[in-house]
């Protein structure tokens, strides 16, 4: 039993039909074709895509549920961790030098030629 001509036509889709079917922009469909994610045939200047390839593409993009570990399995993950302390050392930059210069008495200003 062979497929009727009408059924054969419905198995081949244009980029616009695929875009409407997947509810995507047609430029997105072109990008998927160009990157090799969506199989297509180029006939002249136009692409033609089999409906089975569209279904395969849709199935290949399926996401999987993310499993999160239970708190009872990993007690360390359940307890909040304190951030590690970071020791900050000052470096002798211009702000530190300015602060030291402001603490000098007037005589030291003259002897150090800071005036």
PDB file of N, CA and C in Angstrom:
ATOM      1  N   UNK A   1       0.854  -1.169   0.000  1.00  0.00           N
ATOM      2  CA  UNK A   1       0.000   0.000   0.000  1.00  0.00           C
ATOM      3  C   UNK A   1       0.899   1.230   0.000  1.00  0.00           C
ATOM      4  N   UNK A   2       0.805   2.063  -0.998  1.00  0.00           N
ATOM      5  CA  UNK A   2       1.650   3.248  -1.094  1.00  0.00           C
ATOM      6  C   UNK A   2       0.932   4.465  -0.531  1.00  0.00           C
ATOM      7  N   UNK A   3       1.733   5.440  -0.142  1.00  0.00           N
ATOM      8  CA  UNK A   3       1.169   6.666   0.415  1.00  0.00           C
ATOM      9  C   UNK A   3       0.539   7.486  -0.696  1.00  0.00           C
ATOM     10  N   UNK A   4      -0.553   8.122  -0.382  1.00  0.00           N
ATOM     11  CA  UNK A   4      -1.203   8.962  -1.391  1.00  0.00           C
ATOM     12  C   UNK A   4      -0.368  10.211  -1.643  1.00  0.00           C
ATOM     13  N   UNK A   5      -0.480  10.824  -2.827  1.00  0.00           N
ATOM     14  CA  UNK A   5       0.303  12.019  -3.130  1.00  0.00           C
ATOM     15  C   UNK A   5       0.044  13.155  -2.142  1.00  0.00           C
ATOM     16  N   UNK A   6      -1.198  13.268  -1.666  1.00  0.00           N
ATOM     17  CA  UNK A   6      -1.504  14.333  -0.715  1.00  0.00           C
ATOM     18  C   UNK A   6      -0.746  14.130   0.592  1.00  0.00           C
ATOM     19  N   UNK A   7      -0.640  12.873   1.039  1.00  0.00           N
ATOM     20  CA  UNK A   7       0.077  12.574   2.281  1.00  0.00           C
ATOM     21  C   UNK A   7       1.567  12.838   2.097  1.00  0.00           C
ATOM     22  N   UNK A   8       2.115  12.513   0.933  1.00  0.00           N
ATOM     23  CA  UNK A   8       3.532  12.745   0.670  1.00  0.00           C
ATOM     24  C   UNK A   8       3.847  14.233   0.711  1.00  0.00           C
ATOM     25  N   UNK A   9       2.931  15.049   0.230  1.00  0.00           N
ATOM     26  CA  UNK A   9       3.172  16.493   0.260  1.00  0.00           C
ATOM     27  C   UNK A   9       3.186  17.022   1.690  1.00  0.00           C
ATOM     28  N   UNK A  10       2.374  16.473   2.547  1.00  0.00           N
ATOM     29  CA  UNK A  10       2.309  16.976   3.917  1.00  0.00           C
ATOM     30  C   UNK A  10       3.536  16.567   4.731  1.00  0.00           C
ATOM     31  N   UNK A  11       4.291  15.592   4.238  1.00  0.00           N
ATOM     32  CA  UNK A  11       5.494  15.150   4.944  1.00  0.00           C
ATOM     33  C   UNK A  11       6.685  16.067   4.692  1.00  0.00           C
ATOM     34  N   UNK A  12       6.589  16.944   3.687  1.00  0.00           N
ATOM     35  CA  UNK A  12       7.681  17.864   3.358  1.00  0.00           C
ATOM     36  C   UNK A  12       7.231  19.270   3.714  1.00  0.00           C
ATOM     37  N   UNK A  13       8.090  19.995   4.467  1.00  0.00           N
ATOM     38  CA  UNK A  13       7.719  21.316   4.969  1.00  0.00           C
ATOM     39  C   UNK A  13       8.729  22.367   4.516  1.00  0.00           C
ATOM     40  N   UNK A  14       8.256  23.596   4.385  1.00  0.00           N
ATOM     41  CA  UNK A  14       9.134  24.724   4.108  1.00  0.00           C
ATOM     42  C   UNK A  14       9.642  25.283   5.429  1.00  0.00           C
ATOM     43  N   UNK A  15      10.589  26.195   5.355  1.00  0.00           N
ATOM     44  CA  UNK A  15      11.117  26.820   6.572  1.00  0.00           C
ATOM     45  C   UNK A  15      10.014  27.580   7.294  1.00  0.00           C
ATOM     46  N   UNK A  16       9.167  28.282   6.543  1.00  0.00           N
ATOM     47  CA  UNK A  16       8.065  29.017   7.170  1.00  0.00           C
ATOM     48  C   UNK A  16       7.083  28.082   7.864  1.00  0.00           C
ATOM     49  N   UNK A  17       6.807  26.929   7.262  1.00  0.00           N
ATOM     50  CA  UNK A  17       5.902  25.967   7.887  1.00  0.00           C
ATOM     51  C   UNK A  17       6.514  25.386   9.155  1.00  0.00           C
ATOM     52  N   UNK A  18       7.816  25.088   9.120  1.00  0.00           N
ATOM     53  CA  UNK A  18       8.497  24.568  10.314  1.00  0.00           C
ATOM     54  C   UNK A  18       8.486  25.621  11.421  1.00  0.00           C
ATOM     55  N   UNK A  19       8.739  26.876  11.047  1.00  0.00           N
ATOM     56  CA  UNK A  19       8.736  27.954  12.031  1.00  0.00           C
ATOM     57  C   UNK A  19       7.359  28.098  12.677  1.00  0.00           C
ATOM     58  N   UNK A  20       6.318  28.001  11.874  1.00  0.00           N
ATOM     59  CA  UNK A  20       4.963  28.093  12.420  1.00  0.00           C
ATOM     60  C   UNK A  20       4.650  26.883  13.297  1.00  0.00           C
ATOM     61  N   UNK A  21       5.077  25.713  12.864  1.00  0.00           N
ATOM     62  CA  UNK A  21       4.822  24.480  13.612  1.00  0.00           C
ATOM     63  C   UNK A  21       5.514  24.496  14.974  1.00  0.00           C
ATOM     64  N   UNK A  22       6.781  24.962  15.008  1.00  0.00           N
ATOM     65  CA  UNK A  22       7.543  24.991  16.258  1.00  0.00           C
ATOM     66  C   UNK A  22       7.363  26.296  17.033  1.00  0.00           C
ATOM     67  N   UNK A  23       6.618  27.240  16.461  1.00  0.00           N
ATOM     68  CA  UNK A  23       6.374  28.549  17.060  1.00  0.00           C
ATOM     69  C   UNK A  23       7.696  29.278  17.320  1.00  0.00           C
ATOM     70  N   UNK A  24       8.544  29.279  16.289  1.00  0.00           N
ATOM     71  CA  UNK A  24       9.838  29.954  16.347  1.00  0.00           C
ATOM     72  C   UNK A  24       9.937  30.929  15.183  1.00  0.00           C
ATOM     73  N   UNK A  25      10.896  31.821  15.268  1.00  0.00           N
ATOM     74  CA  UNK A  25      11.173  32.729  14.172  1.00  0.00           C
ATOM     75  C   UNK A  25      11.830  31.950  13.039  1.00  0.00           C
ATOM     76  N   UNK A  26      11.547  32.309  11.806  1.00  0.00           N
ATOM     77  CA  UNK A  26      12.137  31.565  10.682  1.00  0.00           C
ATOM     78  C   UNK A  26      13.652  31.720  10.631  1.00  0.00           C
ATOM     79  N   UNK A  27      14.191  32.841  11.123  1.00  0.00           N
ATOM     80  CA  UNK A  27      15.646  32.999  11.170  1.00  0.00           C
ATOM     81  C   UNK A  27      16.278  32.010  12.153  1.00  0.00           C
ATOM     82  N   UNK A  28      15.538  31.681  13.193  1.00  0.00           N
ATOM     83  CA  UNK A  28      16.014  30.662  14.139  1.00  0.00           C
ATOM     84  C   UNK A  28      16.074  29.305  13.454  1.00  0.00           C
ATOM     85  N   UNK A  29      15.101  29.014  12.623  1.00  0.00           N
ATOM     86  CA  UNK A  29      15.088  27.744  11.878  1.00  0.00           C
ATOM     87  C   UNK A  29      16.280  27.700  10.933  1.00  0.00           C
ATOM     88  N   UNK A  30      16.544  28.798  10.228  1.00  0.00           N
ATOM     89  CA  UNK A  30      17.716  28.856   9.347  1.00  0.00           C
ATOM     90  C   UNK A  30      19.007  28.631  10.127  1.00  0.00           C
ATOM     91  N   UNK A  31      19.102  29.199  11.332  1.00  0.00           N
ATOM     92  CA  UNK A  31      20.302  29.017  12.153  1.00  0.00           C
ATOM     93  C   UNK A  31      20.481  27.552  12.555  1.00  0.00           C
ATOM     94  N   UNK A  32      19.387  26.890  12.925  1.00  0.00           N
ATOM     95  CA  UNK A  32      19.471  25.466  13.289  1.00  0.00           C
ATOM     96  C   UNK A  32      19.882  24.622  12.083  1.00  0.00           C
ATOM     97  N   UNK A  33      19.398  24.968  10.914  1.00  0.00           N
ATOM     98  CA  UNK A  33      19.796  24.248   9.693  1.00  0.00           C
ATOM     99  C   UNK A  33      21.278  24.477   9.416  1.00  0.00           C
ATOM    100  N   UNK A  34      21.712  25.730   9.486  1.00  0.00           N
ATOM    101  CA  UNK A  34      23.107  26.072   9.203  1.00  0.00           C
ATOM    102  C   UNK A  34      24.068  25.396  10.174  1.00  0.00           C
ATOM    103  N   UNK A  35      23.672  25.293  11.452  1.00  0.00           N
ATOM    104  CA  UNK A  35      24.519  24.669  12.468  1.00  0.00           C
ATOM    105  C   UNK A  35      24.417  23.148  12.465  1.00  0.00           C
ATOM    106  N   UNK A  36      23.564  22.592  11.609  1.00  0.00           N
ATOM    107  CA  UNK A  36      23.470  21.139  11.475  1.00  0.00           C
ATOM    108  C   UNK A  36      22.576  20.466  12.496  1.00  0.00           C
ATOM    109  N   UNK A  37      21.835  21.224  13.266  1.00  0.00           N
ATOM    110  CA  UNK A  37      20.951  20.627  14.269  1.00  0.00           C
ATOM    111  C   UNK A  37      19.652  20.120  13.654  1.00  0.00           C
ATOM    112  N   UNK A  38      19.214  20.779  12.590  1.00  0.00           N
ATOM    113  CA  UNK A  38      17.973  20.399  11.928  1.00  0.00           C
ATOM    114  C   UNK A  38      18.302  19.958  10.498  1.00  0.00           C
ATOM    115  N   UNK A  39      18.139  18.667  10.191  1.00  0.00           N
ATOM    116  CA  UNK A  39      18.435  18.202   8.834  1.00  0.00           C
ATOM    117  C   UNK A  39      17.472  18.818   7.821  1.00  0.00           C
ATOM    118  N   UNK A  40      18.029  19.267   6.706  1.00  0.00           N
ATOM    119  CA  UNK A  40      17.216  19.870   5.654  1.00  0.00           C
ATOM    120  C   UNK A  40      17.883  19.610   4.312  1.00  0.00           C
ATOM    121  N   UNK A  41      17.090  19.700   3.254  1.00  0.00           N
ATOM    122  CA  UNK A  41      17.599  19.564   1.886  1.00  0.00           C
ATOM    123  C   UNK A  41      17.422  20.901   1.193  1.00  0.00           C
ATOM    124  N   UNK A  42      18.471  21.330   0.499  1.00  0.00           N
ATOM    125  CA  UNK A  42      18.387  22.588  -0.237  1.00  0.00           C
ATOM    126  C   UNK A  42      18.111  22.266  -1.697  1.00  0.00           C
ATOM    127  N   UNK A  43      16.980  22.734  -2.166  1.00  0.00           N
ATOM    128  CA  UNK A  43      16.572  22.530  -3.554  1.00  0.00           C
ATOM    129  C   UNK A  43      16.529  23.919  -4.192  1.00  0.00           C
ATOM    130  N   UNK A  44      17.490  24.175  -5.043  1.00  0.00           N
ATOM    131  CA  UNK A  44      17.610  25.515  -5.604  1.00  0.00           C
ATOM    132  C   UNK A  44      18.047  26.470  -4.509  1.00  0.00           C
ATOM    133  N   UNK A  45      17.221  27.475  -4.243  1.00  0.00           N
ATOM    134  CA  UNK A  45      17.526  28.435  -3.178  1.00  0.00           C
ATOM    135  C   UNK A  45      16.699  28.194  -1.922  1.00  0.00           C
ATOM    136  N   UNK A  46      15.826  27.195  -1.951  1.00  0.00           N
ATOM    137  CA  UNK A  46      14.912  26.963  -0.843  1.00  0.00           C
ATOM    138  C   UNK A  46      15.252  25.675  -0.104  1.00  0.00           C
ATOM    139  N   UNK A  47      14.990  25.681   1.189  1.00  0.00           N
ATOM    140  CA  UNK A  47      15.173  24.489   2.011  1.00  0.00           C
ATOM    141  C   UNK A  47      13.849  23.747   2.125  1.00  0.00           C
ATOM    142  N   UNK A  48      13.951  22.427   2.178  1.00  0.00           N
ATOM    143  CA  UNK A  48      12.793  21.578   2.439  1.00  0.00           C
ATOM    144  C   UNK A  48      13.175  20.636   3.571  1.00  0.00           C
ATOM    145  N   UNK A  49      12.242  20.475   4.509  1.00  0.00           N
ATOM    146  CA  UNK A  49      12.509  19.690   5.715  1.00  0.00           C
ATOM    147  C   UNK A  49      11.427  18.630   5.841  1.00  0.00           C
ATOM    148  N   UNK A  50      11.837  17.403   6.112  1.00  0.00           N
ATOM    149  CA  UNK A  50      10.863  16.329   6.344  1.00  0.00           C
ATOM    150  C   UNK A  50      10.244  16.501   7.723  1.00  0.00           C
ATOM    151  N   UNK A  51       8.984  16.195   7.823  1.00  0.00           N
ATOM    152  CA  UNK A  51       8.288  16.334   9.099  1.00  0.00           C
ATOM    153  C   UNK A  51       8.894  15.401  10.157  1.00  0.00           C
ATOM    154  N   UNK A  52       9.351  14.224   9.729  1.00  0.00           N
ATOM    155  CA  UNK A  52      10.011  13.307  10.661  1.00  0.00           C
ATOM    156  C   UNK A  52      11.292  13.904  11.243  1.00  0.00           C
ATOM    157  N   UNK A  53      12.023  14.670  10.412  1.00  0.00           N
ATOM    158  CA  UNK A  53      13.235  15.339  10.901  1.00  0.00           C
ATOM    159  C   UNK A  53      12.893  16.444  11.900  1.00  0.00           C
ATOM    160  N   UNK A  54      11.763  17.104  11.676  1.00  0.00           N
ATOM    161  CA  UNK A  54      11.321  18.138  12.627  1.00  0.00           C
ATOM    162  C   UNK A  54      10.968  17.492  13.957  1.00  0.00           C
ATOM    163  N   UNK A  55      10.278  16.356  13.905  1.00  0.00           N
ATOM    164  CA  UNK A  55       9.934  15.630  15.135  1.00  0.00           C
ATOM    165  C   UNK A  55      11.201  15.164  15.859  1.00  0.00           C
ATOM    166  N   UNK A  56      12.173  14.647  15.093  1.00  0.00           N
ATOM    167  CA  UNK A  56      13.441  14.212  15.687  1.00  0.00           C
ATOM    168  C   UNK A  56      14.154  15.393  16.334  1.00  0.00           C
ATOM    169  N   UNK A  57      14.186  16.532  15.649  1.00  0.00           N
ATOM    170  CA  UNK A  57      14.814  17.745  16.180  1.00  0.00           C
ATOM    171  C   UNK A  57      14.149  18.164  17.483  1.00  0.00           C
ATOM    172  N   UNK A  58      12.838  18.148  17.504  1.00  0.00           N
ATOM    173  CA  UNK A  58      12.099  18.531  18.709  1.00  0.00           C
ATOM    174  C   UNK A  58      12.410  17.574  19.864  1.00  0.00           C
ATOM    175  N   UNK A  59      12.479  16.278  19.579  1.00  0.00           N
ATOM    176  CA  UNK A  59      12.819  15.304  20.620  1.00  0.00           C
ATOM    177  C   UNK A  59      14.257  15.464  21.100  1.00  0.00           C
ATOM    178  N   UNK A  60      15.164  15.829  20.191  1.00  0.00           N
ATOM    179  CA  UNK A  60      16.573  15.982  20.583  1.00  0.00           C
ATOM    180  C   UNK A  60      16.790  17.204  21.469  1.00  0.00           C
ATOM    181  N   UNK A  61      15.886  18.161  21.424  1.00  0.00           N
ATOM    182  CA  UNK A  61      16.006  19.366  22.238  1.00  0.00           C
ATOM    183  C   UNK A  61      15.304  19.220  23.590  1.00  0.00           C
ATOM    184  N   UNK A  62      14.791  18.037  23.867  1.00  0.00           N
ATOM    185  CA  UNK A  62      14.064  17.799  25.112  1.00  0.00           C
ATOM    186  C   UNK A  62      14.987  17.937  26.317  1.00  0.00           C
ATOM    187  N   UNK A  63      14.497  18.564  27.352  1.00  0.00           N
ATOM    188  CA  UNK A  63      15.279  18.733  28.576  1.00  0.00           C
ATOM    189  C   UNK A  63      14.941  17.623  29.556  1.00  0.00           C
ATOM    190  N   UNK A  64      15.858  17.378  30.458  1.00  0.00           N
ATOM    191  CA  UNK A  64      15.658  16.366  31.497  1.00  0.00           C
ATOM    192  C   UNK A  64      15.477  17.073  32.830  1.00  0.00           C
ATOM    193  N   UNK A  65      14.661  16.505  33.716  1.00  0.00           N
ATOM    194  CA  UNK A  65      14.484  17.143  35.025  1.00  0.00           C
ATOM    195  C   UNK A  65      15.788  17.119  35.823  1.00  0.00           C
ATOM    196  N   UNK A  66      16.004  18.176  36.573  1.00  0.00           N
ATOM    197  CA  UNK A  66      17.209  18.291  37.394  1.00  0.00           C
ATOM    198  C   UNK A  66      16.915  17.669  38.752  1.00  0.00           C
ATOM    199  N   UNK A  67      17.763  16.726  39.150  1.00  0.00           N
ATOM    200  CA  UNK A  67      17.595  16.093  40.462  1.00  0.00           C
ATOM    201  C   UNK A  67      18.486  16.803  41.471  1.00  0.00           C
ATOM    202  N   UNK A  68      17.886  17.187  42.572  1.00  0.00           N
ATOM    203  CA  UNK A  68      18.645  17.853  43.623  1.00  0.00           C
ATOM    204  C   UNK A  68      18.853  16.859  44.756  1.00  0.00           C
ATOM    205  N   UNK A  69      20.046  16.840  45.348  1.00  0.00           N
ATOM    206  CA  UNK A  69      20.286  15.911  46.456  1.00  0.00           C
ATOM    207  C   UNK A  69      19.453  16.282  47.670  1.00  0.00           C
ATOM    208  N   UNK A  70      19.031  15.247  48.381  1.00  0.00           N
ATOM    209  CA  UNK A  70      18.243  15.474  49.591  1.00  0.00           C
ATOM    210  C   UNK A  70      19.155  15.938  50.713  1.00  0.00           C
ATOM    211  N   UNK A  71      18.617  16.728  51.638  1.00  0.00           N
ATOM    212  CA  UNK A  71      19.399  17.272  52.752  1.00  0.00           C
ATOM    213  C   UNK A  71      19.855  16.165  53.698  1.00  0.00           C
ATOM    214  N   UNK A  72      19.061  15.082  53.826  1.00  0.00           N
ATOM    215  CA  UNK A  72      19.415  13.997  54.737  1.00  0.00           C
ATOM    216  C   UNK A  72      20.619  13.213  54.222  1.00  0.00           C
ATOM    217  N   UNK A  73      20.798  13.174  52.917  1.00  0.00           N
ATOM    218  CA  UNK A  73      21.898  12.416  52.338  1.00  0.00           C
ATOM    219  C   UNK A  73      23.219  13.137  52.556  1.00  0.00           C
ATOM    220  N   UNK A  74      23.217  14.452  52.417  1.00  0.00           N
ATOM    221  CA  UNK A  74      24.431  15.238  52.575  1.00  0.00           C
ATOM    222  C   UNK A  74      24.220  16.300  53.649  1.00  0.00           C
ATOM    223  N   UNK A  75      24.534  15.994  54.928  1.00  0.00           N
ATOM    224  CA  UNK A  75      24.287  16.962  55.999  1.00  0.00           C
ATOM    225  C   UNK A  75      25.148  18.217  55.863  1.00  0.00           C
ATOM    226  N   UNK A  76      26.312  18.097  55.221  1.00  0.00           N
ATOM    227  CA  UNK A  76      27.161  19.273  55.054  1.00  0.00           C
ATOM    228  C   UNK A  76      26.509  20.296  54.148  1.00  0.00           C
ATOM    229  N   UNK A  77      25.784  19.837  53.154  1.00  0.00           N
ATOM    230  CA  UNK A  77      25.149  20.761  52.217  1.00  0.00           C
ATOM    231  C   UNK A  77      23.968  21.472  52.866  1.00  0.00           C
ATOM    232  N   UNK A  78      23.332  20.833  53.872  1.00  0.00           N
ATOM    233  CA  UNK A  78      22.170  21.428  54.507  1.00  0.00           C
ATOM    234  C   UNK A  78      22.570  22.573  55.430  1.00  0.00           C
ATOM    235  N   UNK A  79      23.704  22.452  56.111  1.00  0.00           N
ATOM    236  CA  UNK A  79      24.135  23.496  57.035  1.00  0.00           C
ATOM    237  C   UNK A  79      24.742  24.655  56.258  1.00  0.00           C
ATOM    238  N   UNK A  80      24.336  25.880  56.613  1.00  0.00           N
ATOM    239  CA  UNK A  80      24.927  27.014  55.913  1.00  0.00           C
ATOM    240  C   UNK A  80      26.396  27.171  56.283  1.00  0.00           C
ATOM    241  N   UNK A  81      27.201  27.414  55.283  1.00  0.00           N
ATOM    242  CA  UNK A  81      28.636  27.570  55.520  1.00  0.00           C
ATOM    243  C   UNK A  81      28.964  29.032  55.704  1.00  0.00           C
ATOM    244  N   UNK A  82      29.858  29.279  56.623  1.00  0.00           N
ATOM    245  CA  UNK A  82      30.316  30.648  56.812  1.00  0.00           C
ATOM    246  C   UNK A  82      31.350  30.959  55.748  1.00  0.00           C
ATOM    247  N   UNK A  83      31.334  32.175  55.253  1.00  0.00           N
ATOM    248  CA  UNK A  83      32.366  32.531  54.280  1.00  0.00           C
ATOM    249  C   UNK A  83      33.727  32.601  54.952  1.00  0.00           C
ATOM    250  N   UNK A  84      34.732  32.230  54.201  1.00  0.00           N
ATOM    251  CA  UNK A  84      36.080  32.268  54.747  1.00  0.00           C
ATOM    252  C   UNK A  84      36.530  33.715  54.906  1.00  0.00           C
ATOM    253  N   UNK A  85      37.287  33.954  55.960  1.00  0.00           N
ATOM    254  CA  UNK A  85      37.795  35.298  56.209  1.00  0.00           C
ATOM    255  C   UNK A  85      38.929  35.605  55.244  1.00  0.00           C
ATOM    256  N   UNK A  86      38.932  36.810  54.769  1.00  0.00           N
ATOM    257  CA  UNK A  86      39.975  37.246  53.858  1.00  0.00           C
ATOM    258  C   UNK A  86      40.800  38.301  54.577  1.00  0.00           C
ATOM    259  N   UNK A  87      42.089  38.078  54.631  1.00  0.00           N
ATOM    260  CA  UNK A  87      42.973  39.027  55.293  1.00  0.00           C
ATOM    261  C   UNK A  87      43.389  40.066  54.267  1.00  0.00           C
ATOM    262  N   UNK A  88      43.115  41.316  54.589  1.00  0.00           N
ATOM    263  CA  UNK A  88      43.457  42.406  53.691  1.00  0.00           C
ATOM    264  C   UNK A  88      44.664  43.126  54.266  1.00  0.00           C
ATOM    265  N   UNK A  89      45.699  43.190  53.494  1.00  0.00           N
ATOM    266  CA  UNK A  89      46.888  43.928  53.923  1.00  0.00           C
ATOM    267  C   UNK A  89      46.951  45.222  53.127  1.00  0.00           C
ATOM    268  N   UNK A  90      47.278  46.269  53.817  1.00  0.00           N
ATOM    269  CA  UNK A  90      47.357  47.548  53.124  1.00  0.00           C
ATOM    270  C   UNK A  90      48.685  47.642  52.396  1.00  0.00           C
ATOM    271  N   UNK A  91      48.658  48.276  51.275  1.00  0.00           N
ATOM    272  CA  UNK A  91      49.897  48.471  50.558  1.00  0.00           C
ATOM    273  C   UNK A  91      50.221  49.955  50.552  1.00  0.00           C
ATOM    274  N   UNK A  92      51.459  50.277  50.502  1.00  0.00           N
ATOM    275  CA  UNK A  92      51.827  51.695  50.598  1.00  0.00           C
ATOM    276  C   UNK A  92      51.505  52.440  49.311  1.00  0.00           C
ATOM    277  N   UNK A  93      50.259  52.848  49.184  1.00  0.00           N
ATOM    278  CA  UNK A  93      49.903  53.638  48.020  1.00  0.00           C
ATOM    279  C   UNK A  93      49.785  55.105  48.417  1.00  0.00           C
ATOM    280  N   UNK A  94      49.334  55.927  47.535  1.00  0.00           N
ATOM    281  CA  UNK A  94      49.327  57.364  47.788  1.00  0.00           C
ATOM    282  C   UNK A  94      48.371  57.751  48.910  1.00  0.00           C
ATOM    283  N   UNK A  95      47.254  57.017  49.071  1.00  0.00           N
ATOM    284  CA  UNK A  95      46.319  57.352  50.145  1.00  0.00           C
ATOM    285  C   UNK A  95      46.944  57.094  51.505  1.00  0.00           C
ATOM    286  N   UNK A  96      47.668  55.964  51.658  1.00  0.00           N
ATOM    287  CA  UNK A  96      48.326  55.677  52.934  1.00  0.00           C
ATOM    288  C   UNK A  96      49.404  56.717  53.225  1.00  0.00           C
ATOM    289  N   UNK A  97      50.175  57.097  52.224  1.00  0.00           N
ATOM    290  CA  UNK A  97      51.232  58.082  52.418  1.00  0.00           C
ATOM    291  C   UNK A  97      50.628  59.426  52.819  1.00  0.00           C
ATOM    292  N   UNK A  98      49.515  59.793  52.203  1.00  0.00           N
ATOM    293  CA  UNK A  98      48.855  61.051  52.549  1.00  0.00           C
ATOM    294  C   UNK A  98      48.392  61.039  54.003  1.00  0.00           C
ATOM    295  N   UNK A  99      47.839  59.893  54.450  1.00  0.00           N
ATOM    296  CA  UNK A  99      47.394  59.796  55.838  1.00  0.00           C
ATOM    297  C   UNK A  99      48.564  59.938  56.806  1.00  0.00           C
ATOM    298  N   UNK A 100      49.707  59.313  56.470  1.00  0.00           N
ATOM    299  CA  UNK A 100      50.882  59.440  57.339  1.00  0.00           C
ATOM    300  C   UNK A 100      51.410  60.862  57.357  1.00  0.00           C
ATOM    301  N   UNK A 101      51.353  61.535  56.223  1.00  0.00           N
ATOM    302  CA  UNK A 101      51.848  62.900  56.164  1.00  0.00           C
ATOM    303  C   UNK A 101      50.987  63.846  56.981  1.00  0.00           C
ATOM    304  N   UNK A 102      49.688  63.580  57.059  1.00  0.00           N
ATOM    305  CA  UNK A 102      48.812  64.444  57.831  1.00  0.00           C
ATOM    306  C   UNK A 102      49.054  64.309  59.327  1.00  0.00           C
ATOM    307  N   UNK A 103      49.629  63.202  59.767  1.00  0.00           N
ATOM    308  CA  UNK A 103      49.887  63.016  61.202  1.00  0.00           C
ATOM    309  C   UNK A 103      51.213  63.624  61.644  1.00  0.00           C
ATOM    310  N   UNK A 104      52.012  64.133  60.719  1.00  0.00           N
ATOM    311  CA  UNK A 104      53.299  64.732  61.079  1.00  0.00           C
ATOM    312  C   UNK A 104      53.095  66.111  61.690  1.00  0.00           C
ATOM    313  N   UNK A 105      54.017  66.502  62.586  1.00  0.00           N
ATOM    314  CA  UNK A 105      53.933  67.855  63.131  1.00  0.00           C
ATOM    315  C   UNK A 105      54.578  68.825  62.142  1.00  0.00           C
ATOM    316  N   UNK A 106      54.368  70.123  62.271  1.00  0.00           N
ATOM    317  CA  UNK A 106      54.862  71.101  61.295  1.00  0.00           C
ATOM    318  C   UNK A 106      56.371  71.076  61.095  1.00  0.00           C
ATOM    319  N   UNK A 107      57.138  70.768  62.138  1.00  0.00           N
ATOM    320  CA  UNK A 107      58.588  70.733  61.997  1.00  0.00           C
ATOM    321  C   UNK A 107      58.998  69.601  61.059  1.00  0.00           C
ATOM    322  N   UNK A 108      58.352  68.445  61.180  1.00  0.00           N
ATOM    323  CA  UNK A 108      58.670  67.321  60.287  1.00  0.00           C
ATOM    324  C   UNK A 108      58.275  67.629  58.855  1.00  0.00           C
ATOM    325  N   UNK A 109      57.237  68.417  58.665  1.00  0.00           N
ATOM    326  CA  UNK A 109      56.849  68.821  57.322  1.00  0.00           C
ATOM    327  C   UNK A 109      57.992  69.584  56.658  1.00  0.00           C
ATOM    328  N   UNK A 110      58.610  70.486  57.405  1.00  0.00           N
ATOM    329  CA  UNK A 110      59.675  71.311  56.838  1.00  0.00           C
ATOM    330  C   UNK A 110      60.909  70.475  56.588  1.00  0.00           C
ATOM    331  N   UNK A 111      61.266  69.618  57.536  1.00  0.00           N
ATOM    332  CA  UNK A 111      62.481  68.817  57.374  1.00  0.00           C
ATOM    333  C   UNK A 111      62.348  67.783  56.254  1.00  0.00           C
ATOM    334  N   UNK A 112      61.144  67.325  55.986  1.00  0.00           N
ATOM    335  CA  UNK A 112      60.931  66.337  54.911  1.00  0.00           C
ATOM    336  C   UNK A 112      60.617  67.002  53.564  1.00  0.00           C
ATOM    337  N   UNK A 113      60.582  68.309  53.549  1.00  0.00           N
ATOM    338  CA  UNK A 113      60.286  69.091  52.335  1.00  0.00           C
ATOM    339  C   UNK A 113      58.925  68.748  51.745  1.00  0.00           C
ATOM    340  N   UNK A 114      57.937  68.661  52.625  1.00  0.00           N
ATOM    341  CA  UNK A 114      56.590  68.332  52.194  1.00  0.00           C
ATOM    342  C   UNK A 114      55.743  69.577  51.955  1.00  0.00           C
ATOM    343  N   UNK A 115      56.260  70.753  52.246  1.00  0.00           N
ATOM    344  CA  UNK A 115      55.476  71.979  52.110  1.00  0.00           C
ATOM    345  C   UNK A 115      55.385  72.444  50.700  1.00  0.00           C
TER     346      UNK A 115
END
